[in-house]
Protein backbone atom coordinates (compact mmCIF):
# COMPACT_ATOMS: atom_id res chain seq x y z
CA UNK A 1 0.00 0.00 0.00
CA UNK A 2 1.13 3.52 -0.72
CA UNK A 3 1.31 6.27 1.88
CA UNK A 4 -2.17 7.48 0.95
CA UNK A 5 -3.60 3.92 1.39
CA UNK A 6 -3.94 2.87 -2.26
CA UNK A 7 -3.21 -0.76 -3.00
CA UNK A 8 -0.42 -1.15 -5.56
CA UNK A 9 0.65 -4.36 -7.22
CA UNK A 10 4.38 -4.54 -7.87
CA UNK A 11 5.60 -6.61 -10.78
CA UNK A 12 9.13 -7.31 -11.87
CA UNK A 13 10.49 -8.75 -15.09
CA UNK A 14 12.66 -11.84 -14.91
CA UNK A 15 14.89 -13.22 -17.59
CA UNK A 16 15.85 -16.86 -18.09
CA UNK A 17 19.31 -18.01 -17.20
CA UNK A 18 21.36 -19.71 -19.89
CA UNK A 19 20.35 -23.31 -19.04
CA UNK A 20 16.66 -22.36 -18.85
CA UNK A 21 16.75 -20.55 -22.19
CA UNK A 22 18.60 -23.44 -23.81
CA UNK A 23 16.13 -26.03 -22.50
CA UNK A 24 13.10 -24.06 -23.70
CA UNK A 25 14.58 -23.32 -27.14
CA UNK A 26 15.67 -26.92 -27.74
CA UNK A 27 12.28 -28.34 -26.71
CA UNK A 28 10.33 -25.80 -28.77
CA UNK A 29 12.53 -26.43 -31.83
CA UNK A 30 12.09 -30.20 -31.45
CA UNK A 31 8.30 -29.86 -31.08
CA UNK A 32 8.11 -27.60 -34.14
CA UNK A 33 10.21 -30.00 -36.24
CA UNK A 34 8.98 -33.37 -34.95
CA UNK A 35 5.41 -32.47 -33.99
CA UNK A 36 3.38 -34.10 -31.22
CA UNK A 37 3.95 -37.61 -29.95
CA UNK A 38 7.53 -37.47 -28.69
CA UNK A 39 9.01 -37.67 -25.20
CA UNK A 40 11.76 -35.48 -23.82
CA UNK A 41 13.48 -35.27 -20.45
CA UNK A 42 14.97 -32.17 -18.85
CA UNK A 43 16.98 -32.58 -15.68
CA UNK A 44 17.17 -29.72 -13.21
CA UNK A 45 18.98 -29.51 -9.93
CA UNK A 46 17.36 -28.05 -6.82
CA UNK A 47 17.13 -24.27 -6.97
CA UNK A 48 17.87 -24.04 -10.69
CA UNK A 49 14.55 -22.43 -11.64
CA UNK A 50 12.55 -25.44 -12.77
CA UNK A 51 9.18 -23.72 -12.25
CA UNK A 52 10.18 -20.79 -14.44
CA UNK A 53 11.50 -23.14 -17.13
CA UNK A 54 8.18 -25.00 -17.10
CA UNK A 55 6.30 -21.69 -17.26
CA UNK A 56 8.26 -20.35 -20.21
CA UNK A 57 8.01 -23.70 -22.01
CA UNK A 58 4.25 -23.94 -21.47
CA UNK A 59 3.69 -20.47 -22.93
CA UNK A 60 5.96 -21.05 -25.90
CA UNK A 61 4.34 -24.41 -26.73
CA UNK A 62 0.82 -22.98 -26.40
CA UNK A 63 1.53 -20.47 -29.18
CA UNK A 64 3.76 -22.71 -31.33
CA UNK A 65 2.89 -22.99 -35.03
CA UNK A 66 4.36 -25.25 -37.71
CA UNK A 67 5.62 -24.29 -41.17
CA UNK A 68 2.01 -24.26 -42.47
CA UNK A 69 1.00 -21.79 -39.71
CA UNK A 70 -1.10 -24.45 -37.95
CA UNK A 71 -1.02 -24.70 -34.16
CA UNK A 72 1.15 -27.63 -33.12
CA UNK A 73 -0.74 -28.23 -29.83
CA UNK A 74 -4.38 -27.60 -28.95
CA UNK A 75 -3.53 -27.46 -25.23
CA UNK A 76 -0.48 -27.60 -23.00
CA UNK A 77 -1.18 -29.51 -19.80
CA UNK A 78 1.18 -29.02 -16.88
CA UNK A 79 0.89 -31.91 -14.43
CA UNK A 80 2.40 -32.32 -10.99
CA UNK A 81 1.82 -34.97 -8.36
CA UNK A 82 1.93 -32.78 -5.27
CA UNK A 83 -0.53 -30.07 -4.30
CA UNK A 84 2.17 -27.80 -2.82
CA UNK A 85 4.13 -27.87 -6.08
CA UNK A 86 0.89 -27.47 -8.03
CA UNK A 87 0.15 -24.15 -6.29
CA UNK A 88 3.72 -22.93 -6.88
CA UNK A 89 3.56 -23.88 -10.58
CA UNK A 90 0.12 -22.31 -10.97
CA UNK A 91 1.35 -19.04 -9.52
CA UNK A 92 4.53 -19.05 -11.62
CA UNK A 93 2.82 -19.86 -14.93
CA UNK A 94 -0.11 -17.54 -14.26
CA UNK A 95 2.33 -14.65 -13.71
CA UNK A 96 3.59 -14.89 -17.28
CA UNK A 97 0.20 -14.27 -18.91
CA UNK A 98 -2.61 -12.15 -17.54
CA UNK A 99 -5.03 -12.40 -20.48
CA UNK A 100 -8.31 -14.09 -19.60
CA UNK A 101 -8.70 -17.66 -20.86
CA UNK A 102 -5.04 -18.42 -21.66
CA UNK A 103 -4.14 -20.16 -18.40
CA UNK A 104 -6.58 -22.16 -16.30
CA UNK A 105 -5.67 -23.35 -12.84
CA UNK A 106 -7.52 -26.54 -11.98
CA UNK A 107 -7.81 -25.99 -8.27
CA UNK A 108 -11.28 -27.31 -7.52
CA UNK A 109 -12.37 -30.69 -8.88
CA UNK A 110 -12.16 -33.09 -11.82
CA UNK A 111 -15.20 -31.51 -13.54
CA UNK A 112 -13.20 -28.28 -13.85
CA UNK A 113 -10.40 -30.27 -15.52
CA UNK A 114 -12.85 -32.04 -17.86
CA UNK A 115 -14.32 -28.69 -18.94
CA UNK A 116 -10.87 -27.21 -19.58
CA UNK A 117 -9.85 -30.24 -21.66
CA UNK A 118 -13.12 -30.18 -23.62
CA UNK A 119 -12.76 -26.46 -24.34
CA UNK A 120 -9.07 -26.83 -25.33
CA UNK A 121 -7.88 -24.13 -22.94
CA UNK A 122 -4.36 -23.18 -24.14
CA UNK A 123 -2.58 -23.88 -20.81
CA UNK A 124 -4.04 -26.15 -18.13
CA UNK A 125 -2.32 -26.63 -14.77
CA UNK A 126 -3.46 -29.57 -12.65
CA UNK A 127 -2.48 -32.40 -10.35
CA UNK A 128 -2.12 -35.98 -11.51
CA UNK A 129 -4.65 -37.12 -8.91
CA UNK A 130 -7.58 -35.54 -10.80
CA UNK A 131 -7.20 -37.73 -13.91
CA UNK A 132 -8.82 -40.96 -12.60
CA UNK A 133 -12.09 -39.03 -12.26
CA UNK A 134 -11.99 -37.13 -15.56
CA UNK A 135 -13.46 -39.92 -17.73
CA UNK A 136 -16.63 -39.90 -15.66
CA UNK A 137 -16.82 -36.10 -15.86
CA UNK A 138 -16.30 -36.11 -19.66
CA UNK A 139 -19.18 -38.58 -19.94
CA UNK A 140 -21.41 -36.35 -17.76
CA UNK A 141 -20.53 -33.24 -19.80
CA UNK A 142 -21.51 -35.06 -23.01
CA UNK A 143 -24.84 -36.06 -21.47
CA UNK A 144 -25.49 -32.46 -20.35
CA UNK A 145 -25.01 -31.33 -23.97
CA UNK A 146 -27.39 -34.09 -25.14
CA UNK A 147 -24.64 -36.00 -26.91
CA UNK A 148 -23.61 -39.62 -26.68
CA UNK A 149 -20.47 -39.59 -24.57
CA UNK A 150 -17.60 -42.04 -24.45
CA UNK A 151 -15.74 -40.62 -21.45
CA UNK A 152 -12.74 -40.06 -23.71
CA UNK A 153 -11.46 -36.71 -24.87
CA UNK A 154 -11.93 -36.14 -28.62
CA UNK A 155 -8.66 -36.59 -30.44
CA UNK A 156 -6.53 -33.52 -29.88
CA UNK A 157 -2.86 -32.67 -29.89
CA UNK A 158 -1.75 -31.96 -26.33
CA UNK A 159 1.69 -31.22 -24.95
CA UNK A 160 2.03 -32.65 -21.46
CA UNK A 161 4.68 -31.19 -19.19
CA UNK A 162 5.13 -33.40 -16.14
CA UNK A 163 6.84 -31.97 -13.09
CA UNK A 164 8.71 -34.62 -11.11
CA UNK A 165 8.33 -37.12 -13.95
CA UNK A 166 10.29 -39.81 -12.14
CA UNK A 167 7.53 -40.19 -9.55
CA UNK A 168 4.53 -39.48 -11.79
CA UNK A 169 4.85 -41.82 -14.75
CA UNK A 170 3.92 -45.16 -13.26
CA UNK A 171 0.80 -46.60 -11.71
CA UNK A 172 -2.91 -46.42 -12.42
CA UNK A 173 -3.14 -42.64 -12.21
CA UNK A 174 -0.58 -42.16 -15.01
CA UNK A 175 -2.44 -44.79 -17.05
CA UNK A 176 -5.65 -42.79 -16.60
CA UNK A 177 -3.92 -39.62 -17.81
CA UNK A 178 -2.72 -41.40 -20.94
CA UNK A 179 -6.15 -42.95 -21.48
CA UNK A 180 -8.01 -39.65 -21.20
CA UNK A 181 -5.59 -37.75 -23.44
CA UNK A 182 -5.22 -40.60 -25.93
CA UNK A 183 -8.37 -39.53 -27.74
CA UNK A 184 -11.09 -41.50 -29.45
CA UNK A 185 -8.99 -42.23 -32.53
CA UNK A 186 -6.23 -43.84 -30.44
CA UNK A 187 -8.77 -45.88 -28.45
CA UNK A 188 -10.32 -47.24 -31.65
CA UNK A 189 -7.02 -48.61 -32.95
C-alpha atoms as a PDB file:
ATOM      1  CA  UNK A   1       0.000   0.000   0.000  1.00  0.00           C
ATOM      2  CA  UNK A   2       1.129   3.518  -0.717  1.00  0.00           C
ATOM      3  CA  UNK A   3       1.315   6.267   1.880  1.00  0.00           C
ATOM      4  CA  UNK A   4      -2.173   7.481   0.951  1.00  0.00           C
ATOM      5  CA  UNK A   5      -3.605   3.920   1.393  1.00  0.00           C
ATOM      6  CA  UNK A   6      -3.940   2.874  -2.257  1.00  0.00           C
ATOM      7  CA  UNK A   7      -3.207  -0.757  -3.002  1.00  0.00           C
ATOM      8  CA  UNK A   8      -0.418  -1.154  -5.560  1.00  0.00           C
ATOM      9  CA  UNK A   9       0.655  -4.364  -7.218  1.00  0.00           C
ATOM     10  CA  UNK A  10       4.377  -4.539  -7.866  1.00  0.00           C
ATOM     11  CA  UNK A  11       5.604  -6.610 -10.782  1.00  0.00           C
ATOM     12  CA  UNK A  12       9.134  -7.308 -11.872  1.00  0.00           C
ATOM     13  CA  UNK A  13      10.492  -8.745 -15.092  1.00  0.00           C
ATOM     14  CA  UNK A  14      12.657 -11.836 -14.905  1.00  0.00           C
ATOM     15  CA  UNK A  15      14.886 -13.217 -17.595  1.00  0.00           C
ATOM     16  CA  UNK A  16      15.855 -16.857 -18.087  1.00  0.00           C
ATOM     17  CA  UNK A  17      19.314 -18.014 -17.196  1.00  0.00           C
ATOM     18  CA  UNK A  18      21.355 -19.714 -19.891  1.00  0.00           C
ATOM     19  CA  UNK A  19      20.353 -23.307 -19.038  1.00  0.00           C
ATOM     20  CA  UNK A  20      16.658 -22.357 -18.852  1.00  0.00           C
ATOM     21  CA  UNK A  21      16.748 -20.550 -22.187  1.00  0.00           C
ATOM     22  CA  UNK A  22      18.600 -23.439 -23.811  1.00  0.00           C
ATOM     23  CA  UNK A  23      16.128 -26.033 -22.497  1.00  0.00           C
ATOM     24  CA  UNK A  24      13.104 -24.065 -23.702  1.00  0.00           C
ATOM     25  CA  UNK A  25      14.583 -23.319 -27.138  1.00  0.00           C
ATOM     26  CA  UNK A  26      15.666 -26.922 -27.743  1.00  0.00           C
ATOM     27  CA  UNK A  27      12.283 -28.338 -26.709  1.00  0.00           C
ATOM     28  CA  UNK A  28      10.333 -25.804 -28.773  1.00  0.00           C
ATOM     29  CA  UNK A  29      12.534 -26.428 -31.827  1.00  0.00           C
ATOM     30  CA  UNK A  30      12.090 -30.198 -31.453  1.00  0.00           C
ATOM     31  CA  UNK A  31       8.305 -29.857 -31.078  1.00  0.00           C
ATOM     32  CA  UNK A  32       8.108 -27.600 -34.142  1.00  0.00           C
ATOM     33  CA  UNK A  33      10.209 -30.004 -36.240  1.00  0.00           C
ATOM     34  CA  UNK A  34       8.983 -33.370 -34.951  1.00  0.00           C
ATOM     35  CA  UNK A  35       5.409 -32.472 -33.992  1.00  0.00           C
ATOM     36  CA  UNK A  36       3.380 -34.096 -31.221  1.00  0.00           C
ATOM     37  CA  UNK A  37       3.954 -37.611 -29.950  1.00  0.00           C
ATOM     38  CA  UNK A  38       7.528 -37.466 -28.686  1.00  0.00           C
ATOM     39  CA  UNK A  39       9.014 -37.674 -25.202  1.00  0.00           C
ATOM     40  CA  UNK A  40      11.757 -35.478 -23.818  1.00  0.00           C
ATOM     41  CA  UNK A  41      13.482 -35.275 -20.446  1.00  0.00           C
ATOM     42  CA  UNK A  42      14.969 -32.169 -18.846  1.00  0.00           C
ATOM     43  CA  UNK A  43      16.982 -32.580 -15.675  1.00  0.00           C
ATOM     44  CA  UNK A  44      17.173 -29.715 -13.213  1.00  0.00           C
ATOM     45  CA  UNK A  45      18.981 -29.508  -9.929  1.00  0.00           C
ATOM     46  CA  UNK A  46      17.360 -28.046  -6.825  1.00  0.00           C
ATOM     47  CA  UNK A  47      17.125 -24.267  -6.970  1.00  0.00           C
ATOM     48  CA  UNK A  48      17.875 -24.041 -10.690  1.00  0.00           C
ATOM     49  CA  UNK A  49      14.555 -22.433 -11.639  1.00  0.00           C
ATOM     50  CA  UNK A  50      12.545 -25.445 -12.771  1.00  0.00           C
ATOM     51  CA  UNK A  51       9.180 -23.724 -12.246  1.00  0.00           C
ATOM     52  CA  UNK A  52      10.177 -20.787 -14.440  1.00  0.00           C
ATOM     53  CA  UNK A  53      11.504 -23.144 -17.127  1.00  0.00           C
ATOM     54  CA  UNK A  54       8.178 -25.000 -17.098  1.00  0.00           C
ATOM     55  CA  UNK A  55       6.296 -21.694 -17.261  1.00  0.00           C
ATOM     56  CA  UNK A  56       8.260 -20.353 -20.211  1.00  0.00           C
ATOM     57  CA  UNK A  57       8.008 -23.702 -22.013  1.00  0.00           C
ATOM     58  CA  UNK A  58       4.246 -23.938 -21.474  1.00  0.00           C
ATOM     59  CA  UNK A  59       3.695 -20.471 -22.930  1.00  0.00           C
ATOM     60  CA  UNK A  60       5.962 -21.049 -25.900  1.00  0.00           C
ATOM     61  CA  UNK A  61       4.342 -24.409 -26.727  1.00  0.00           C
ATOM     62  CA  UNK A  62       0.822 -22.983 -26.405  1.00  0.00           C
ATOM     63  CA  UNK A  63       1.534 -20.473 -29.185  1.00  0.00           C
ATOM     64  CA  UNK A  64       3.758 -22.713 -31.332  1.00  0.00           C
ATOM     65  CA  UNK A  65       2.887 -22.988 -35.029  1.00  0.00           C
ATOM     66  CA  UNK A  66       4.356 -25.255 -37.707  1.00  0.00           C
ATOM     67  CA  UNK A  67       5.617 -24.290 -41.172  1.00  0.00           C
ATOM     68  CA  UNK A  68       2.008 -24.257 -42.470  1.00  0.00           C
ATOM     69  CA  UNK A  69       1.001 -21.795 -39.706  1.00  0.00           C
ATOM     70  CA  UNK A  70      -1.098 -24.455 -37.949  1.00  0.00           C
ATOM     71  CA  UNK A  71      -1.019 -24.701 -34.164  1.00  0.00           C
ATOM     72  CA  UNK A  72       1.148 -27.634 -33.120  1.00  0.00           C
ATOM     73  CA  UNK A  73      -0.742 -28.231 -29.830  1.00  0.00           C
ATOM     74  CA  UNK A  74      -4.379 -27.598 -28.947  1.00  0.00           C
ATOM     75  CA  UNK A  75      -3.531 -27.458 -25.232  1.00  0.00           C
ATOM     76  CA  UNK A  76      -0.483 -27.602 -23.003  1.00  0.00           C
ATOM     77  CA  UNK A  77      -1.179 -29.510 -19.803  1.00  0.00           C
ATOM     78  CA  UNK A  78       1.181 -29.019 -16.880  1.00  0.00           C
ATOM     79  CA  UNK A  79       0.891 -31.905 -14.429  1.00  0.00           C
ATOM     80  CA  UNK A  80       2.397 -32.323 -10.990  1.00  0.00           C
ATOM     81  CA  UNK A  81       1.821 -34.973  -8.357  1.00  0.00           C
ATOM     82  CA  UNK A  82       1.928 -32.778  -5.271  1.00  0.00           C
ATOM     83  CA  UNK A  83      -0.534 -30.067  -4.299  1.00  0.00           C
ATOM     84  CA  UNK A  84       2.166 -27.800  -2.817  1.00  0.00           C
ATOM     85  CA  UNK A  85       4.129 -27.868  -6.079  1.00  0.00           C
ATOM     86  CA  UNK A  86       0.892 -27.472  -8.027  1.00  0.00           C
ATOM     87  CA  UNK A  87       0.152 -24.150  -6.291  1.00  0.00           C
ATOM     88  CA  UNK A  88       3.715 -22.934  -6.882  1.00  0.00           C
ATOM     89  CA  UNK A  89       3.558 -23.879 -10.579  1.00  0.00           C
ATOM     90  CA  UNK A  90       0.117 -22.312 -10.965  1.00  0.00           C
ATOM     91  CA  UNK A  91       1.346 -19.043  -9.520  1.00  0.00           C
ATOM     92  CA  UNK A  92       4.533 -19.052 -11.624  1.00  0.00           C
ATOM     93  CA  UNK A  93       2.816 -19.861 -14.928  1.00  0.00           C
ATOM     94  CA  UNK A  94      -0.106 -17.542 -14.260  1.00  0.00           C
ATOM     95  CA  UNK A  95       2.333 -14.648 -13.709  1.00  0.00           C
ATOM     96  CA  UNK A  96       3.588 -14.891 -17.280  1.00  0.00           C
ATOM     97  CA  UNK A  97       0.202 -14.272 -18.910  1.00  0.00           C
ATOM     98  CA  UNK A  98      -2.605 -12.147 -17.544  1.00  0.00           C
ATOM     99  CA  UNK A  99      -5.026 -12.397 -20.484  1.00  0.00           C
ATOM    100  CA  UNK A 100      -8.305 -14.089 -19.604  1.00  0.00           C
ATOM    101  CA  UNK A 101      -8.698 -17.662 -20.861  1.00  0.00           C
ATOM    102  CA  UNK A 102      -5.042 -18.419 -21.664  1.00  0.00           C
ATOM    103  CA  UNK A 103      -4.142 -20.159 -18.397  1.00  0.00           C
ATOM    104  CA  UNK A 104      -6.583 -22.158 -16.302  1.00  0.00           C
ATOM    105  CA  UNK A 105      -5.675 -23.348 -12.841  1.00  0.00           C
ATOM    106  CA  UNK A 106      -7.523 -26.545 -11.976  1.00  0.00           C
ATOM    107  CA  UNK A 107      -7.811 -25.987  -8.266  1.00  0.00           C
ATOM    108  CA  UNK A 108     -11.280 -27.311  -7.518  1.00  0.00           C
ATOM    109  CA  UNK A 109     -12.374 -30.693  -8.881  1.00  0.00           C
ATOM    110  CA  UNK A 110     -12.163 -33.086 -11.818  1.00  0.00           C
ATOM    111  CA  UNK A 111     -15.196 -31.505 -13.541  1.00  0.00           C
ATOM    112  CA  UNK A 112     -13.202 -28.279 -13.851  1.00  0.00           C
ATOM    113  CA  UNK A 113     -10.401 -30.272 -15.521  1.00  0.00           C
ATOM    114  CA  UNK A 114     -12.850 -32.044 -17.860  1.00  0.00           C
ATOM    115  CA  UNK A 115     -14.315 -28.690 -18.943  1.00  0.00           C
ATOM    116  CA  UNK A 116     -10.870 -27.207 -19.580  1.00  0.00           C
ATOM    117  CA  UNK A 117      -9.852 -30.238 -21.658  1.00  0.00           C
ATOM    118  CA  UNK A 118     -13.122 -30.180 -23.621  1.00  0.00           C
ATOM    119  CA  UNK A 119     -12.762 -26.456 -24.341  1.00  0.00           C
ATOM    120  CA  UNK A 120      -9.074 -26.828 -25.332  1.00  0.00           C
ATOM    121  CA  UNK A 121      -7.876 -24.133 -22.940  1.00  0.00           C
ATOM    122  CA  UNK A 122      -4.357 -23.180 -24.136  1.00  0.00           C
ATOM    123  CA  UNK A 123      -2.585 -23.882 -20.806  1.00  0.00           C
ATOM    124  CA  UNK A 124      -4.043 -26.151 -18.128  1.00  0.00           C
ATOM    125  CA  UNK A 125      -2.324 -26.630 -14.770  1.00  0.00           C
ATOM    126  CA  UNK A 126      -3.459 -29.566 -12.647  1.00  0.00           C
ATOM    127  CA  UNK A 127      -2.477 -32.397 -10.347  1.00  0.00           C
ATOM    128  CA  UNK A 128      -2.119 -35.978 -11.508  1.00  0.00           C
ATOM    129  CA  UNK A 129      -4.648 -37.119  -8.910  1.00  0.00           C
ATOM    130  CA  UNK A 130      -7.578 -35.541 -10.800  1.00  0.00           C
ATOM    131  CA  UNK A 131      -7.197 -37.732 -13.905  1.00  0.00           C
ATOM    132  CA  UNK A 132      -8.816 -40.958 -12.598  1.00  0.00           C
ATOM    133  CA  UNK A 133     -12.093 -39.031 -12.265  1.00  0.00           C
ATOM    134  CA  UNK A 134     -11.988 -37.134 -15.558  1.00  0.00           C
ATOM    135  CA  UNK A 135     -13.458 -39.923 -17.732  1.00  0.00           C
ATOM    136  CA  UNK A 136     -16.629 -39.901 -15.659  1.00  0.00           C
ATOM    137  CA  UNK A 137     -16.821 -36.101 -15.864  1.00  0.00           C
ATOM    138  CA  UNK A 138     -16.297 -36.115 -19.660  1.00  0.00           C
ATOM    139  CA  UNK A 139     -19.183 -38.580 -19.936  1.00  0.00           C
ATOM    140  CA  UNK A 140     -21.406 -36.347 -17.761  1.00  0.00           C
ATOM    141  CA  UNK A 141     -20.525 -33.242 -19.795  1.00  0.00           C
ATOM    142  CA  UNK A 142     -21.510 -35.062 -23.007  1.00  0.00           C
ATOM    143  CA  UNK A 143     -24.840 -36.059 -21.466  1.00  0.00           C
ATOM    144  CA  UNK A 144     -25.491 -32.461 -20.354  1.00  0.00           C
ATOM    145  CA  UNK A 145     -25.014 -31.331 -23.973  1.00  0.00           C
ATOM    146  CA  UNK A 146     -27.394 -34.091 -25.135  1.00  0.00           C
ATOM    147  CA  UNK A 147     -24.637 -35.997 -26.910  1.00  0.00           C
ATOM    148  CA  UNK A 148     -23.607 -39.622 -26.685  1.00  0.00           C
ATOM    149  CA  UNK A 149     -20.469 -39.587 -24.569  1.00  0.00           C
ATOM    150  CA  UNK A 150     -17.604 -42.039 -24.448  1.00  0.00           C
ATOM    151  CA  UNK A 151     -15.742 -40.624 -21.449  1.00  0.00           C
ATOM    152  CA  UNK A 152     -12.743 -40.062 -23.707  1.00  0.00           C
ATOM    153  CA  UNK A 153     -11.458 -36.711 -24.867  1.00  0.00           C
ATOM    154  CA  UNK A 154     -11.934 -36.136 -28.615  1.00  0.00           C
ATOM    155  CA  UNK A 155      -8.660 -36.588 -30.444  1.00  0.00           C
ATOM    156  CA  UNK A 156      -6.531 -33.515 -29.875  1.00  0.00           C
ATOM    157  CA  UNK A 157      -2.864 -32.665 -29.888  1.00  0.00           C
ATOM    158  CA  UNK A 158      -1.745 -31.956 -26.335  1.00  0.00           C
ATOM    159  CA  UNK A 159       1.687 -31.219 -24.955  1.00  0.00           C
ATOM    160  CA  UNK A 160       2.027 -32.652 -21.456  1.00  0.00           C
ATOM    161  CA  UNK A 161       4.681 -31.194 -19.186  1.00  0.00           C
ATOM    162  CA  UNK A 162       5.127 -33.400 -16.140  1.00  0.00           C
ATOM    163  CA  UNK A 163       6.837 -31.973 -13.087  1.00  0.00           C
ATOM    164  CA  UNK A 164       8.711 -34.625 -11.105  1.00  0.00           C
ATOM    165  CA  UNK A 165       8.330 -37.124 -13.955  1.00  0.00           C
ATOM    166  CA  UNK A 166      10.293 -39.812 -12.141  1.00  0.00           C
ATOM    167  CA  UNK A 167       7.526 -40.191  -9.555  1.00  0.00           C
ATOM    168  CA  UNK A 168       4.525 -39.478 -11.792  1.00  0.00           C
ATOM    169  CA  UNK A 169       4.853 -41.823 -14.753  1.00  0.00           C
ATOM    170  CA  UNK A 170       3.915 -45.158 -13.261  1.00  0.00           C
ATOM    171  CA  UNK A 171       0.799 -46.603 -11.714  1.00  0.00           C
ATOM    172  CA  UNK A 172      -2.909 -46.417 -12.420  1.00  0.00           C
ATOM    173  CA  UNK A 173      -3.138 -42.639 -12.214  1.00  0.00           C
ATOM    174  CA  UNK A 174      -0.584 -42.159 -15.012  1.00  0.00           C
ATOM    175  CA  UNK A 175      -2.441 -44.790 -17.051  1.00  0.00           C
ATOM    176  CA  UNK A 176      -5.653 -42.785 -16.599  1.00  0.00           C
ATOM    177  CA  UNK A 177      -3.915 -39.616 -17.807  1.00  0.00           C
ATOM    178  CA  UNK A 178      -2.716 -41.395 -20.938  1.00  0.00           C
ATOM    179  CA  UNK A 179      -6.147 -42.950 -21.476  1.00  0.00           C
ATOM    180  CA  UNK A 180      -8.010 -39.648 -21.202  1.00  0.00           C
ATOM    181  CA  UNK A 181      -5.593 -37.746 -23.438  1.00  0.00           C
ATOM    182  CA  UNK A 182      -5.216 -40.601 -25.932  1.00  0.00           C
ATOM    183  CA  UNK A 183      -8.370 -39.526 -27.738  1.00  0.00           C
ATOM    184  CA  UNK A 184     -11.090 -41.500 -29.446  1.00  0.00           C
ATOM    185  CA  UNK A 185      -8.992 -42.228 -32.526  1.00  0.00           C
ATOM    186  CA  UNK A 186      -6.229 -43.845 -30.440  1.00  0.00           C
ATOM    187  CA  UNK A 187      -8.766 -45.881 -28.454  1.00  0.00           C
ATOM    188  CA  UNK A 188     -10.321 -47.236 -31.649  1.00  0.00           C
ATOM    189  CA  UNK A 189      -7.018 -48.609 -32.952  1.00  0.00           C
END
